[in-house]
Amino acid sequence: MEVPRVRREAPFFFGSLIMLRCMSLLLARLGSADRRPLGPLTEVDLPCRRPITHELNVSHSERKVERKHPSMELDMEGGCTCRQVRYRLIGAPLIVHACHCRWCQRETGTAHALNALYEADRVMHTAGEPEIVVTPLASGKGQKIARCPTCRVAVWSNYPQAGPAVRFVRVGTMDNPDLCPPDIHIFTSSKQSWVTLPAGAKAVPEFYDLDAVWPAESLERRRLMRAKASQT
């Protein structure tokens, strides 16, 4: 009588072993994922990536920018590759642009430029002085790019529309560039088709209305900057 009983329990016994083995493998896999070393955010880590098309919801894209990183209020530093030119940034940027226009693609040699906009007096050189190189623009007025005279890396630039009062700091030259993700993607009508943006990213086909997008503190800083410029 014992043999039939053992035969009935055998499938259950071996089934339990298989389940335990599967659970141990799953826990080991989750444990190794939790222990992976932390590194900079990559495109693979971005959730729900989706392509941006020309049919953008502009009213949604042009909502006010919300500061996501309190650490951006701290002073940040950066510089060129050879470290001859170094700078310190005072406070948070007015806004951070990811520009997908073809001129920025050409000048950077990559898919888009990433610029943090600062008042000129908030970009302080702590070592060396950059060389100003006038680079053509579609407007014909030219962009003044500040480059290290030795390694030729661009650290910031002045655009004719904003003038010398605003410096477009190259985010990639910051010591901690991950503190300045883009607030808005501009000129996405000429974006490379293989570039995808995370869901919910602020994006416009061309440019945008500053009063509708910039946070209140940035608009106040802009007002003070323009008032100061009018007095000189």
Protein backbone atom coordinates (compact mmCIF):
# COMPACT_ATOMS: atom_id res chain seq x y z
CA MET A 1 0.00 0.00 0.00
CA GLU A 2 2.96 2.32 0.56
CA VAL A 3 4.15 2.23 -3.06
CA PRO A 4 1.04 3.84 -4.63
CA ARG A 5 1.11 6.56 -1.97
CA VAL A 6 4.79 7.37 -2.73
CA ARG A 7 4.01 7.53 -6.45
CA ARG A 8 1.19 10.03 -5.88
CA GLU A 9 3.44 12.30 -3.78
CA ALA A 10 6.42 12.16 -6.14
CA PRO A 11 5.10 14.70 -8.70
CA PHE A 12 4.22 17.10 -5.88
CA PHE A 13 7.66 16.66 -4.32
CA PHE A 14 9.56 17.29 -7.54
CA GLY A 15 7.20 20.16 -8.46
CA SER A 16 8.01 21.82 -5.14
CA LEU A 17 11.73 21.47 -5.82
CA ILE A 18 11.31 23.15 -9.22
CA MET A 19 9.34 26.02 -7.70
CA LEU A 20 11.96 26.55 -4.98
CA ARG A 21 14.71 26.52 -7.61
CA CYS A 22 12.87 29.12 -9.73
CA MET A 23 12.30 31.35 -6.71
CA SER A 24 15.99 31.17 -5.71
CA LEU A 25 17.07 32.12 -9.23
CA LEU A 26 14.62 35.05 -9.28
CA LEU A 27 15.78 36.33 -5.89
CA ALA A 28 19.42 36.03 -6.95
CA ARG A 29 18.69 38.01 -10.12
CA LEU A 30 16.87 40.74 -8.17
CA GLY A 31 19.62 40.84 -5.58
CA SER A 32 22.33 41.31 -8.22
CA ALA A 33 20.31 44.12 -9.82
CA ASP A 34 19.95 45.90 -6.46
CA ARG A 35 23.70 45.63 -5.87
CA ARG A 36 24.75 47.05 -9.22
CA PRO A 37 26.99 50.12 -8.85
CA LEU A 38 25.28 53.45 -9.28
CA GLY A 39 26.35 55.52 -12.27
CA PRO A 40 25.21 58.50 -14.29
CA LEU A 41 21.72 58.37 -15.77
CA THR A 42 21.75 56.97 -19.27
CA GLU A 43 19.12 56.92 -21.99
CA VAL A 44 18.42 53.29 -21.15
CA ASP A 45 17.31 54.36 -17.65
CA LEU A 46 14.72 56.82 -18.94
CA PRO A 47 11.18 55.49 -18.43
CA CYS A 48 8.61 55.27 -21.18
CA ARG A 49 10.70 56.78 -23.92
CA ARG A 50 8.70 57.92 -26.93
CA PRO A 51 9.57 59.81 -30.12
CA ILE A 52 8.56 63.46 -30.38
CA THR A 53 6.66 64.26 -33.56
CA HIS A 54 5.89 67.57 -35.22
CA GLU A 55 2.34 67.41 -33.83
CA LEU A 56 3.26 68.61 -30.34
CA ASN A 57 0.80 69.83 -27.75
CA VAL A 58 2.29 73.30 -27.48
CA SER A 59 -0.03 74.42 -24.69
CA HIS A 60 1.16 71.43 -22.64
CA SER A 61 4.80 71.91 -23.63
CA GLU A 62 4.83 75.59 -22.74
CA ARG A 63 3.81 75.17 -19.13
CA LYS A 64 5.97 76.76 -16.43
CA VAL A 65 9.28 75.05 -15.68
CA GLU A 66 9.48 73.48 -12.23
CA ARG A 67 12.87 73.14 -10.56
CA LYS A 68 13.49 69.43 -9.97
CA HIS A 69 16.90 69.58 -8.29
CA PRO A 70 17.33 71.65 -5.10
CA SER A 71 21.10 71.16 -5.48
CA MET A 72 20.94 73.40 -8.56
CA GLU A 73 20.69 76.33 -6.16
CA LEU A 74 24.26 75.65 -5.07
CA ASP A 75 27.24 77.12 -6.86
CA MET A 76 28.65 74.78 -9.50
CA GLU A 77 32.02 74.66 -11.21
CA GLY A 78 33.33 73.49 -14.54
CA GLY A 79 35.88 74.09 -17.25
CA CYS A 80 37.62 72.84 -20.35
CA THR A 81 39.32 69.48 -20.85
CA CYS A 82 42.88 70.65 -20.19
CA ARG A 83 41.68 72.68 -17.15
CA GLN A 84 43.35 75.86 -18.31
CA VAL A 85 39.95 77.60 -18.25
CA ARG A 86 37.83 77.11 -15.15
CA TYR A 87 34.61 78.80 -14.06
CA ARG A 88 32.15 78.98 -11.17
CA LEU A 89 28.39 79.35 -11.65
CA ILE A 90 26.45 81.33 -9.05
CA GLY A 91 23.08 79.78 -8.23
CA ALA A 92 20.69 78.01 -10.57
CA PRO A 93 20.41 78.69 -14.32
CA LEU A 94 17.61 80.78 -15.74
CA ILE A 95 16.64 77.77 -17.84
CA VAL A 96 18.34 74.84 -19.58
CA HIS A 97 17.83 74.36 -23.33
CA ALA A 98 18.33 71.24 -25.40
CA CYS A 99 18.48 72.72 -28.88
CA HIS A 100 17.91 70.39 -31.83
CA CYS A 101 18.37 72.95 -34.62
CA ARG A 102 20.68 71.95 -37.47
CA TRP A 103 23.10 74.77 -36.64
CA CYS A 104 23.65 73.41 -33.13
CA GLN A 105 23.99 69.89 -34.53
CA ARG A 106 26.68 71.11 -36.90
CA GLU A 107 28.58 73.20 -34.34
CA THR A 108 28.58 70.49 -31.66
CA GLY A 109 29.02 67.58 -34.04
CA THR A 110 26.27 65.68 -32.27
CA ALA A 111 22.47 65.40 -32.03
CA HIS A 112 21.80 68.58 -30.04
CA ALA A 113 23.34 71.29 -27.87
CA LEU A 114 22.70 71.51 -24.12
CA ASN A 115 23.01 75.03 -22.72
CA ALA A 116 22.35 76.44 -19.25
CA LEU A 117 21.48 80.14 -19.45
CA TYR A 118 23.09 82.41 -16.84
CA GLU A 119 23.50 86.12 -16.37
CA ALA A 120 27.05 87.05 -17.38
CA ASP A 121 27.93 88.21 -13.86
CA ARG A 122 26.98 84.78 -12.51
CA VAL A 123 29.63 83.05 -14.67
CA MET A 124 32.94 83.75 -12.92
CA HIS A 125 36.26 82.62 -14.37
CA THR A 126 38.43 81.15 -11.65
CA ALA A 127 41.37 80.15 -13.86
CA GLY A 128 42.45 81.30 -17.31
CA GLU A 129 40.52 83.34 -19.84
CA PRO A 130 38.75 81.89 -22.88
CA GLU A 131 39.30 83.04 -26.43
CA ILE A 132 36.23 84.48 -28.13
CA VAL A 133 35.59 82.93 -31.55
CA VAL A 134 32.87 84.41 -33.76
CA THR A 135 30.90 81.59 -35.39
CA PRO A 136 28.28 82.09 -38.17
CA LEU A 137 24.58 81.81 -37.38
CA ALA A 138 21.48 81.53 -39.53
CA SER A 139 20.60 85.12 -38.59
CA GLY A 140 23.88 86.32 -40.08
CA LYS A 141 24.83 88.12 -36.86
CA GLY A 142 27.17 85.43 -35.57
CA GLN A 143 27.55 83.67 -32.22
CA LYS A 144 30.49 84.50 -29.93
CA ILE A 145 31.83 81.24 -28.53
CA ALA A 146 34.25 81.27 -25.58
CA ARG A 147 36.83 78.54 -26.15
CA CYS A 148 39.91 77.44 -24.29
CA PRO A 149 42.91 78.79 -26.25
CA THR A 150 44.75 75.49 -25.74
CA CYS A 151 42.31 72.56 -26.02
CA ARG A 152 39.70 74.62 -27.95
CA VAL A 153 36.76 73.28 -25.92
CA ALA A 154 33.77 75.66 -25.89
CA VAL A 155 32.67 76.56 -22.36
CA TRP A 156 29.97 79.19 -23.04
CA SER A 157 28.70 81.52 -25.76
CA ASN A 158 26.73 84.70 -26.42
CA TYR A 159 23.87 84.71 -28.91
CA PRO A 160 22.99 87.99 -30.64
CA GLN A 161 19.35 87.83 -29.55
CA ALA A 162 20.24 87.79 -25.83
CA GLY A 163 23.43 89.81 -26.20
CA PRO A 164 26.46 89.79 -23.87
CA ALA A 165 24.29 89.89 -20.73
CA VAL A 166 23.39 86.18 -21.02
CA ARG A 167 25.90 83.37 -21.29
CA PHE A 168 24.86 79.99 -22.66
CA VAL A 169 27.03 77.66 -20.59
CA ARG A 170 27.79 74.28 -22.15
CA VAL A 171 26.36 71.83 -19.63
CA GLY A 172 28.82 69.12 -20.64
CA THR A 173 31.72 71.24 -19.35
CA MET A 174 30.29 71.31 -15.80
CA ASP A 175 31.94 69.10 -13.20
CA ASN A 176 28.48 67.67 -12.41
CA PRO A 177 26.48 68.01 -15.63
CA ASP A 178 23.80 65.64 -14.33
CA LEU A 179 22.59 68.51 -12.11
CA CYS A 180 21.35 70.39 -15.19
CA PRO A 181 18.98 68.26 -17.25
CA PRO A 182 17.10 70.12 -19.99
CA ASP A 183 14.04 72.10 -18.93
CA ILE A 184 12.77 72.22 -22.52
CA HIS A 185 13.70 70.80 -25.93
CA ILE A 186 13.58 73.42 -28.68
CA PHE A 187 13.60 73.22 -32.49
CA THR A 188 12.46 69.62 -32.38
CA SER A 189 11.11 70.04 -35.92
CA SER A 190 14.69 69.37 -37.05
CA LYS A 191 15.40 66.75 -34.39
CA GLN A 192 17.20 63.62 -35.54
CA SER A 193 14.58 60.93 -36.14
CA TRP A 194 16.42 58.39 -33.99
CA VAL A 195 16.52 60.70 -30.95
CA THR A 196 13.74 59.87 -28.49
CA LEU A 197 12.66 61.97 -25.52
CA PRO A 198 11.15 60.76 -22.25
CA ALA A 199 7.40 60.89 -21.87
CA GLY A 200 6.26 64.23 -20.51
CA ALA A 201 9.35 66.12 -21.66
CA LYS A 202 8.67 69.77 -22.50
CA ALA A 203 9.29 70.21 -26.23
CA VAL A 204 8.35 72.68 -28.96
CA PRO A 205 8.82 72.50 -32.75
CA GLU A 206 10.68 75.83 -32.87
CA PHE A 207 10.94 78.33 -29.98
CA TYR A 208 8.57 79.37 -27.20
CA ASP A 209 7.14 82.28 -25.21
CA LEU A 210 9.52 83.04 -22.31
CA ASP A 211 6.75 84.47 -20.13
CA ALA A 212 4.77 81.24 -20.48
CA VAL A 213 7.64 78.83 -19.77
CA TRP A 214 10.22 80.42 -17.48
CA PRO A 215 9.64 80.08 -13.71
CA ALA A 216 8.74 83.24 -11.81
CA GLU A 217 12.19 83.63 -10.24
CA SER A 218 13.88 83.45 -13.64
CA LEU A 219 11.51 86.05 -15.08
CA GLU A 220 12.33 88.37 -12.17
CA ARG A 221 16.06 87.88 -12.74
CA ARG A 222 15.50 88.65 -16.42
CA ARG A 223 13.63 91.84 -15.52
CA LEU A 224 16.48 92.99 -13.26
CA MET A 225 19.04 92.08 -15.91
CA ARG A 226 17.25 94.13 -18.57
CA ALA A 227 16.81 97.06 -16.17
CA LYS A 228 20.53 97.00 -15.41
CA ALA A 229 21.40 96.84 -19.11
CA SER A 230 19.20 99.86 -19.86
CA GLN A 231 21.15 101.95 -17.36
CA THR A 232 24.52 101.34 -19.00
